[in-house]
C-alpha atoms as a PDB file:
ATOM      1  CA  MET A   1      21.875   3.829  -3.864  1.00  0.00           C
ATOM      2  CA  SER A   2      19.509   1.382  -5.880  1.00  0.00           C
ATOM      3  CA  PRO A   3      15.676   2.265  -6.273  1.00  0.00           C
ATOM      4  CA  LEU A   4      14.500  -0.338  -3.414  1.00  0.00           C
ATOM      5  CA  GLN A   5      17.565   0.872  -1.066  1.00  0.00           C
ATOM      6  CA  ARG A   6      16.318   4.067  -1.467  1.00  0.00           C
ATOM      7  CA  ILE A   7      12.580   3.141  -0.483  1.00  0.00           C
ATOM      8  CA  ALA A   8      13.318   1.141   2.245  1.00  0.00           C
ATOM      9  CA  ALA A   9      15.368   3.926   3.723  1.00  0.00           C
ATOM     10  CA  PHE A  10      11.989   6.106   3.252  1.00  0.00           C
ATOM     11  CA  LEU A  11       9.808   3.681   5.088  1.00  0.00           C
ATOM     12  CA  ARG A  12      12.356   3.697   7.888  1.00  0.00           C
ATOM     13  CA  SER A  13      12.177   7.373   8.062  1.00  0.00           C
ATOM     14  CA  PRO A  14       9.836   9.037  10.383  1.00  0.00           C
ATOM     15  CA  ARG A  15       7.542  10.616   7.513  1.00  0.00           C
ATOM     16  CA  GLY A  16       7.321   6.518   5.956  1.00  0.00           C
ATOM     17  CA  GLN A  17       6.373   5.091   9.053  1.00  0.00           C
ATOM     18  CA  GLN A  18       3.815   7.746   8.923  1.00  0.00           C
ATOM     19  CA  LEU A  19       2.368   6.840   5.704  1.00  0.00           C
ATOM     20  CA  VAL A  20       2.699   3.202   6.428  1.00  0.00           C
ATOM     21  CA  GLU A  21       0.810   3.759   9.458  1.00  0.00           C
ATOM     22  CA  ARG A  22      -1.853   5.869   7.689  1.00  0.00           C
ATOM     23  CA  GLY A  23      -2.274   2.747   4.729  1.00  0.00           C
ATOM     24  CA  ARG A  24      -3.014   0.587   7.606  1.00  0.00           C
ATOM     25  CA  ARG A  25      -5.448   2.338   8.982  1.00  0.00           C
ATOM     26  CA  GLU A  26      -7.147   2.760   5.844  1.00  0.00           C
ATOM     27  CA  LEU A  27      -6.818  -0.768   4.633  1.00  0.00           C
ATOM     28  CA  ALA A  28      -8.593  -1.636   7.770  1.00  0.00           C
ATOM     29  CA  LYS A  29     -11.968   0.542   6.445  1.00  0.00           C
ATOM     30  CA  PRO A  30     -14.670  -2.359   4.915  1.00  0.00           C
ATOM     31  CA  GLU A  31     -14.827  -0.238   1.886  1.00  0.00           C
ATOM     32  CA  ASN A  32     -11.577   0.253   1.589  1.00  0.00           C
ATOM     33  CA  GLN A  33     -10.918  -3.890   1.404  1.00  0.00           C
ATOM     34  CA  ARG A  34     -13.990  -4.115  -1.068  1.00  0.00           C
ATOM     35  CA  ARG A  35     -12.231  -1.760  -3.444  1.00  0.00           C
ATOM     36  CA  LEU A  36      -9.315  -3.659  -3.655  1.00  0.00           C
ATOM     37  CA  ARG A  37     -11.218  -6.923  -3.948  1.00  0.00           C
ATOM     38  CA  GLN A  38     -12.565  -5.453  -7.152  1.00  0.00           C
ATOM     39  CA  LEU A  39      -9.406  -4.233  -8.751  1.00  0.00           C
ATOM     40  CA  LEU A  40      -7.998  -7.341  -7.563  1.00  0.00           C
ATOM     41  CA  THR A  41     -11.117  -8.871  -9.509  1.00  0.00           C
ATOM     42  CA  ARG A  42     -10.616  -6.741 -12.854  1.00  0.00           C
ATOM     43  CA  LEU A  43      -6.926  -6.948 -12.849  1.00  0.00           C
ATOM     44  CA  SER A  44      -7.044 -10.898 -12.569  1.00  0.00           C
ATOM     45  CA  ARG A  45      -9.564 -11.156 -15.382  1.00  0.00           C
ATOM     46  CA  ARG A  46      -7.516  -9.527 -17.934  1.00  0.00           C
ATOM     47  CA  ARG A  47      -5.187 -12.528 -18.047  1.00  0.00           C
END
């Protein structure tokens, strides 16, 4: 099984679904959105 297939299978599992939902909840928070934007800005400046 390729790594991508393993990841896809994990994301379909109950534990994977829990982690996806947790990620969605965390990304809904304004503070985390701000942090992510800052990270993307820093990464884009490196190029």
